[in-house]
Structure formats: C-alpha cells, structure tokens
C-alpha cells in the first residue's frame, strides 16, 4: 500500500462538527477499501486567496493515509459528488511527517526581525516633513520663467 497526504477544503458555512463528520465519513471509505488513516488535523476556518464558488473562507483538514490506490479513487469520487467540498488534493509521499504539520506548528513571534526602526532609523511624525514652497524653485531647463509668477 502507498502513503498519501490528503487535504480538503469544506465550505465556510458548514460547522466544525460537520467537518469532523466529513472526515469520519471519508475515513470510513478508506477503511472499507482496505486502508487506514493515521494523523488527522483540522486546521480550522481560513481565508482563501481567491473566491471559490462565492466562498471567501474554507475549513481545511489534513489526513495521512496508508491505502491502496482504489481506496483513494473512491474517496475522491465521493468528494467530487459532495457539495460541501470545495477542493481536495491527494499527494503520494515517501513517508509521513512525525509531529504536527507545518500549518499546526506554533511560530515563535520573537524569532522574526522587528520593524521598530532598527534598520531604517527613527520614524518621523506626520508633520515633521518640511513644506516646500514651489514659488521659489528655479526654472527647469532653458525655458524662461513664467510671467504669472514674476
């Protein structure tokens, strides 16, 4: 049997319990066809980069699957029929990752560089910029000065 990572996006108006029910439904399809599902992660409701079927957000879910190809085809066939599933993607992998996926790892915000003026100098307030009076600017090029400004 091959190893797969499967991610699907569910509509934004379904509840978290309905997403869990979808995961269990597709887990049952995999197990009925001779496979097994390992890690399951619910990434929650996230914004989409672009709208899909008038949805601006979607519930994301990840499943690590160890199953024959026929089980994956049957699961994907049922996902195509289901109106609550916006998109799905299945990728064959050499080995499943240990621990939480990259989406679930908590990023330490102190590791990122700070933008408090260390590299650009101090910030100026809004009114600090000197105002220019354009009336005292010398004429450009070889044009004579305008009569109305003399």
C-alpha atoms as a PDB file:
ATOM      1  CA  UNK A   1       0.000   0.000   0.000  1.00  0.00           C
ATOM      2  CA  UNK A   2       1.104   3.550  -0.707  1.00  0.00           C
ATOM      3  CA  UNK A   3       1.319   6.519   1.645  1.00  0.00           C
ATOM      4  CA  UNK A   4      -0.668   9.673   0.909  1.00  0.00           C
ATOM      5  CA  UNK A   5      -1.324  13.091   2.388  1.00  0.00           C
ATOM      6  CA  UNK A   6      -4.811  14.346   1.644  1.00  0.00           C
ATOM      7  CA  UNK A   7      -6.078  17.895   2.231  1.00  0.00           C
ATOM      8  CA  UNK A   8      -9.598  19.086   1.550  1.00  0.00           C
ATOM      9  CA  UNK A   9     -11.426  22.385   1.839  1.00  0.00           C
ATOM     10  CA  UNK A  10     -15.026  22.473   3.046  1.00  0.00           C
ATOM     11  CA  UNK A  11     -17.458  25.357   2.612  1.00  0.00           C
ATOM     12  CA  UNK A  12     -17.354  28.198   5.124  1.00  0.00           C
ATOM     13  CA  UNK A  13     -20.982  27.824   6.204  1.00  0.00           C
ATOM     14  CA  UNK A  14     -20.640  24.244   7.463  1.00  0.00           C
ATOM     15  CA  UNK A  15     -19.927  23.874  11.175  1.00  0.00           C
ATOM     16  CA  UNK A  16     -16.804  22.379  12.721  1.00  0.00           C
ATOM     17  CA  UNK A  17     -18.861  19.323  13.770  1.00  0.00           C
ATOM     18  CA  UNK A  18     -19.942  18.810  10.163  1.00  0.00           C
ATOM     19  CA  UNK A  19     -16.300  18.985   9.054  1.00  0.00           C
ATOM     20  CA  UNK A  20     -15.453  16.321  11.646  1.00  0.00           C
ATOM     21  CA  UNK A  21     -18.339  14.230  10.288  1.00  0.00           C
ATOM     22  CA  UNK A  22     -16.921  14.597   6.749  1.00  0.00           C
ATOM     23  CA  UNK A  23     -13.518  13.447   7.992  1.00  0.00           C
ATOM     24  CA  UNK A  24     -15.111  10.410   9.652  1.00  0.00           C
ATOM     25  CA  UNK A  25     -17.127   9.659   6.515  1.00  0.00           C
ATOM     26  CA  UNK A  26     -14.039   9.615   4.297  1.00  0.00           C
ATOM     27  CA  UNK A  27     -12.055   7.750   6.931  1.00  0.00           C
ATOM     28  CA  UNK A  28     -14.757   5.058   6.746  1.00  0.00           C
ATOM     29  CA  UNK A  29     -14.426   4.933   2.943  1.00  0.00           C
ATOM     30  CA  UNK A  30     -10.667   4.405   3.217  1.00  0.00           C
ATOM     31  CA  UNK A  31     -11.016   1.695   5.875  1.00  0.00           C
ATOM     32  CA  UNK A  32     -13.777  -0.073   3.946  1.00  0.00           C
ATOM     33  CA  UNK A  33     -11.431  -0.357   0.969  1.00  0.00           C
ATOM     34  CA  UNK A  34      -8.536  -1.845   2.918  1.00  0.00           C
ATOM     35  CA  UNK A  35      -6.624   1.243   4.036  1.00  0.00           C
ATOM     36  CA  UNK A  36      -6.033   3.067   7.264  1.00  0.00           C
ATOM     37  CA  UNK A  37      -5.935   6.702   8.265  1.00  0.00           C
ATOM     38  CA  UNK A  38      -3.201   7.950  10.574  1.00  0.00           C
ATOM     39  CA  UNK A  39      -2.926  11.543  11.671  1.00  0.00           C
ATOM     40  CA  UNK A  40      -5.949  13.796  11.179  1.00  0.00           C
ATOM     41  CA  UNK A  41      -5.579  17.547  11.602  1.00  0.00           C
ATOM     42  CA  UNK A  42      -8.320  20.123  11.447  1.00  0.00           C
ATOM     43  CA  UNK A  43      -6.701  23.431  10.501  1.00  0.00           C
ATOM     44  CA  UNK A  44      -9.879  25.402  11.060  1.00  0.00           C
ATOM     45  CA  UNK A  45     -11.520  28.191   9.102  1.00  0.00           C
ATOM     46  CA  UNK A  46      -9.014  30.123   6.999  1.00  0.00           C
ATOM     47  CA  UNK A  47      -9.292  32.838   4.385  1.00  0.00           C
ATOM     48  CA  UNK A  48      -8.922  31.830   0.768  1.00  0.00           C
ATOM     49  CA  UNK A  49      -6.602  33.675  -1.584  1.00  0.00           C
ATOM     50  CA  UNK A  50      -9.402  33.942  -4.129  1.00  0.00           C
ATOM     51  CA  UNK A  51     -13.101  33.157  -4.003  1.00  0.00           C
ATOM     52  CA  UNK A  52     -14.186  29.602  -4.809  1.00  0.00           C
ATOM     53  CA  UNK A  53     -17.890  29.206  -5.600  1.00  0.00           C
ATOM     54  CA  UNK A  54     -18.662  32.508  -3.815  1.00  0.00           C
ATOM     55  CA  UNK A  55     -16.816  31.377  -0.654  1.00  0.00           C
ATOM     56  CA  UNK A  56     -14.175  33.668   0.841  1.00  0.00           C
ATOM     57  CA  UNK A  57     -13.176  31.229   3.606  1.00  0.00           C
ATOM     58  CA  UNK A  58     -12.976  27.464   3.976  1.00  0.00           C
ATOM     59  CA  UNK A  59     -12.456  24.789   6.622  1.00  0.00           C
ATOM     60  CA  UNK A  60      -9.157  22.962   5.998  1.00  0.00           C
ATOM     61  CA  UNK A  61      -8.495  19.352   7.032  1.00  0.00           C
ATOM     62  CA  UNK A  62      -5.457  17.077   6.569  1.00  0.00           C
ATOM     63  CA  UNK A  63      -5.371  13.271   6.653  1.00  0.00           C
ATOM     64  CA  UNK A  64      -2.350  10.949   6.488  1.00  0.00           C
ATOM     65  CA  UNK A  65      -3.486   7.852   4.605  1.00  0.00           C
ATOM     66  CA  UNK A  66      -1.947   4.403   4.082  1.00  0.00           C
ATOM     67  CA  UNK A  67      -4.180   2.764   1.471  1.00  0.00           C
ATOM     68  CA  UNK A  68      -4.327   1.186  -1.982  1.00  0.00           C
ATOM     69  CA  UNK A  69      -4.968   3.446  -4.967  1.00  0.00           C
ATOM     70  CA  UNK A  70      -8.527   2.108  -5.368  1.00  0.00           C
ATOM     71  CA  UNK A  71      -9.454   3.454  -1.927  1.00  0.00           C
ATOM     72  CA  UNK A  72      -8.108   6.902  -2.817  1.00  0.00           C
ATOM     73  CA  UNK A  73     -10.038   6.910  -6.101  1.00  0.00           C
ATOM     74  CA  UNK A  74     -13.270   6.012  -4.323  1.00  0.00           C
ATOM     75  CA  UNK A  75     -12.761   8.726  -1.692  1.00  0.00           C
ATOM     76  CA  UNK A  76     -12.029  11.342  -4.372  1.00  0.00           C
ATOM     77  CA  UNK A  77     -15.080  10.210  -6.371  1.00  0.00           C
ATOM     78  CA  UNK A  78     -17.293  10.781  -3.342  1.00  0.00           C
ATOM     79  CA  UNK A  79     -15.677  14.170  -2.718  1.00  0.00           C
ATOM     80  CA  UNK A  80     -16.492  15.274  -6.274  1.00  0.00           C
ATOM     81  CA  UNK A  81     -20.169  14.492  -5.590  1.00  0.00           C
ATOM     82  CA  UNK A  82     -20.331  16.262  -2.210  1.00  0.00           C
ATOM     83  CA  UNK A  83     -21.373  19.918  -2.469  1.00  0.00           C
ATOM     84  CA  UNK A  84     -19.713  20.810   0.844  1.00  0.00           C
ATOM     85  CA  UNK A  85     -16.228  20.034  -0.507  1.00  0.00           C
ATOM     86  CA  UNK A  86     -14.743  22.955  -2.458  1.00  0.00           C
ATOM     87  CA  UNK A  87     -11.338  21.494  -3.325  1.00  0.00           C
ATOM     88  CA  UNK A  88      -9.197  18.498  -2.436  1.00  0.00           C
ATOM     89  CA  UNK A  89      -5.658  17.362  -3.151  1.00  0.00           C
ATOM     90  CA  UNK A  90      -4.012  13.994  -2.588  1.00  0.00           C
ATOM     91  CA  UNK A  91      -0.228  13.640  -2.763  1.00  0.00           C
ATOM     92  CA  UNK A  92       1.764  10.414  -2.649  1.00  0.00           C
ATOM     93  CA  UNK A  93       4.628  10.671  -0.145  1.00  0.00           C
ATOM     94  CA  UNK A  94       7.615   8.512   0.753  1.00  0.00           C
ATOM     95  CA  UNK A  95       6.959   8.754   4.497  1.00  0.00           C
ATOM     96  CA  UNK A  96       4.537  10.589   6.749  1.00  0.00           C
ATOM     97  CA  UNK A  97       5.834  13.503   8.813  1.00  0.00           C
ATOM     98  CA  UNK A  98       6.252  12.999  12.527  1.00  0.00           C
ATOM     99  CA  UNK A  99       4.624  15.514  14.833  1.00  0.00           C
ATOM    100  CA  UNK A 100       2.364  18.373  13.803  1.00  0.00           C
ATOM    101  CA  UNK A 101       2.301  19.634  10.240  1.00  0.00           C
ATOM    102  CA  UNK A 102       3.744  22.994   9.237  1.00  0.00           C
ATOM    103  CA  UNK A 103       0.302  24.595   9.473  1.00  0.00           C
ATOM    104  CA  UNK A 104      -0.137  23.486  13.085  1.00  0.00           C
ATOM    105  CA  UNK A 105       3.323  24.386  14.375  1.00  0.00           C
ATOM    106  CA  UNK A 106       3.215  27.444  16.585  1.00  0.00           C
ATOM    107  CA  UNK A 107       5.523  30.061  15.208  1.00  0.00           C
ATOM    108  CA  UNK A 108       7.589  31.895  17.783  1.00  0.00           C
ATOM    109  CA  UNK A 109       6.957  35.552  17.051  1.00  0.00           C
ATOM    110  CA  UNK A 110      10.189  36.601  18.802  1.00  0.00           C
ATOM    111  CA  UNK A 111      12.305  34.917  16.115  1.00  0.00           C
ATOM    112  CA  UNK A 112      11.126  37.280  13.405  1.00  0.00           C
ATOM    113  CA  UNK A 113      13.062  40.512  12.816  1.00  0.00           C
ATOM    114  CA  UNK A 114      11.387  43.527  14.351  1.00  0.00           C
ATOM    115  CA  UNK A 115      10.426  46.579  12.369  1.00  0.00           C
ATOM    116  CA  UNK A 116      10.733  49.199  15.079  1.00  0.00           C
ATOM    117  CA  UNK A 117      13.229  51.399  13.267  1.00  0.00           C
ATOM    118  CA  UNK A 118      16.456  49.477  13.953  1.00  0.00           C
ATOM    119  CA  UNK A 119      17.346  49.182  10.284  1.00  0.00           C
ATOM    120  CA  UNK A 120      15.710  52.357   8.936  1.00  0.00           C
ATOM    121  CA  UNK A 121      16.378  54.936  11.569  1.00  0.00           C
ATOM    122  CA  UNK A 122      13.808  56.646  13.745  1.00  0.00           C
ATOM    123  CA  UNK A 123      10.299  57.201  12.453  1.00  0.00           C
ATOM    124  CA  UNK A 124       9.155  60.740  11.848  1.00  0.00           C
ATOM    125  CA  UNK A 125       5.803  62.072  12.841  1.00  0.00           C
ATOM    126  CA  UNK A 126       3.324  63.112  10.182  1.00  0.00           C
ATOM    127  CA  UNK A 127       4.001  66.851  10.465  1.00  0.00           C
ATOM    128  CA  UNK A 128       7.822  66.601  10.501  1.00  0.00           C
ATOM    129  CA  UNK A 129       8.290  66.852   6.749  1.00  0.00           C
ATOM    130  CA  UNK A 130       9.332  70.344   5.708  1.00  0.00           C
ATOM    131  CA  UNK A 131       6.872  72.050   3.385  1.00  0.00           C
ATOM    132  CA  UNK A 132       8.166  73.201   0.045  1.00  0.00           C
ATOM    133  CA  UNK A 133       7.266  76.499  -1.464  1.00  0.00           C
ATOM    134  CA  UNK A 134       7.192  75.911  -5.190  1.00  0.00           C
ATOM    135  CA  UNK A 135       7.282  79.627  -5.982  1.00  0.00           C
ATOM    136  CA  UNK A 136      10.994  79.897  -5.247  1.00  0.00           C
ATOM    137  CA  UNK A 137      12.026  76.950  -7.404  1.00  0.00           C
ATOM    138  CA  UNK A 138      14.392  77.842 -10.243  1.00  0.00           C
ATOM    139  CA  UNK A 139      13.005  77.339 -13.759  1.00  0.00           C
ATOM    140  CA  UNK A 140      13.678  74.000 -15.461  1.00  0.00           C
ATOM    141  CA  UNK A 141      15.949  73.716 -18.486  1.00  0.00           C
ATOM    142  CA  UNK A 142      16.143  76.520 -20.946  1.00  0.00           C
ATOM    143  CA  UNK A 143      12.533  77.711 -20.538  1.00  0.00           C
ATOM    144  CA  UNK A 144      12.117  81.288 -19.499  1.00  0.00           C
ATOM    145  CA  UNK A 145      10.306  81.870 -16.199  1.00  0.00           C
ATOM    146  CA  UNK A 146       6.545  82.140 -16.419  1.00  0.00           C
ATOM    147  CA  UNK A 147       5.056  85.591 -16.488  1.00  0.00           C
ATOM    148  CA  UNK A 148       2.381  84.922 -13.908  1.00  0.00           C
ATOM    149  CA  UNK A 149       4.971  84.063 -11.236  1.00  0.00           C
ATOM    150  CA  UNK A 150       7.234  87.044 -11.727  1.00  0.00           C
END
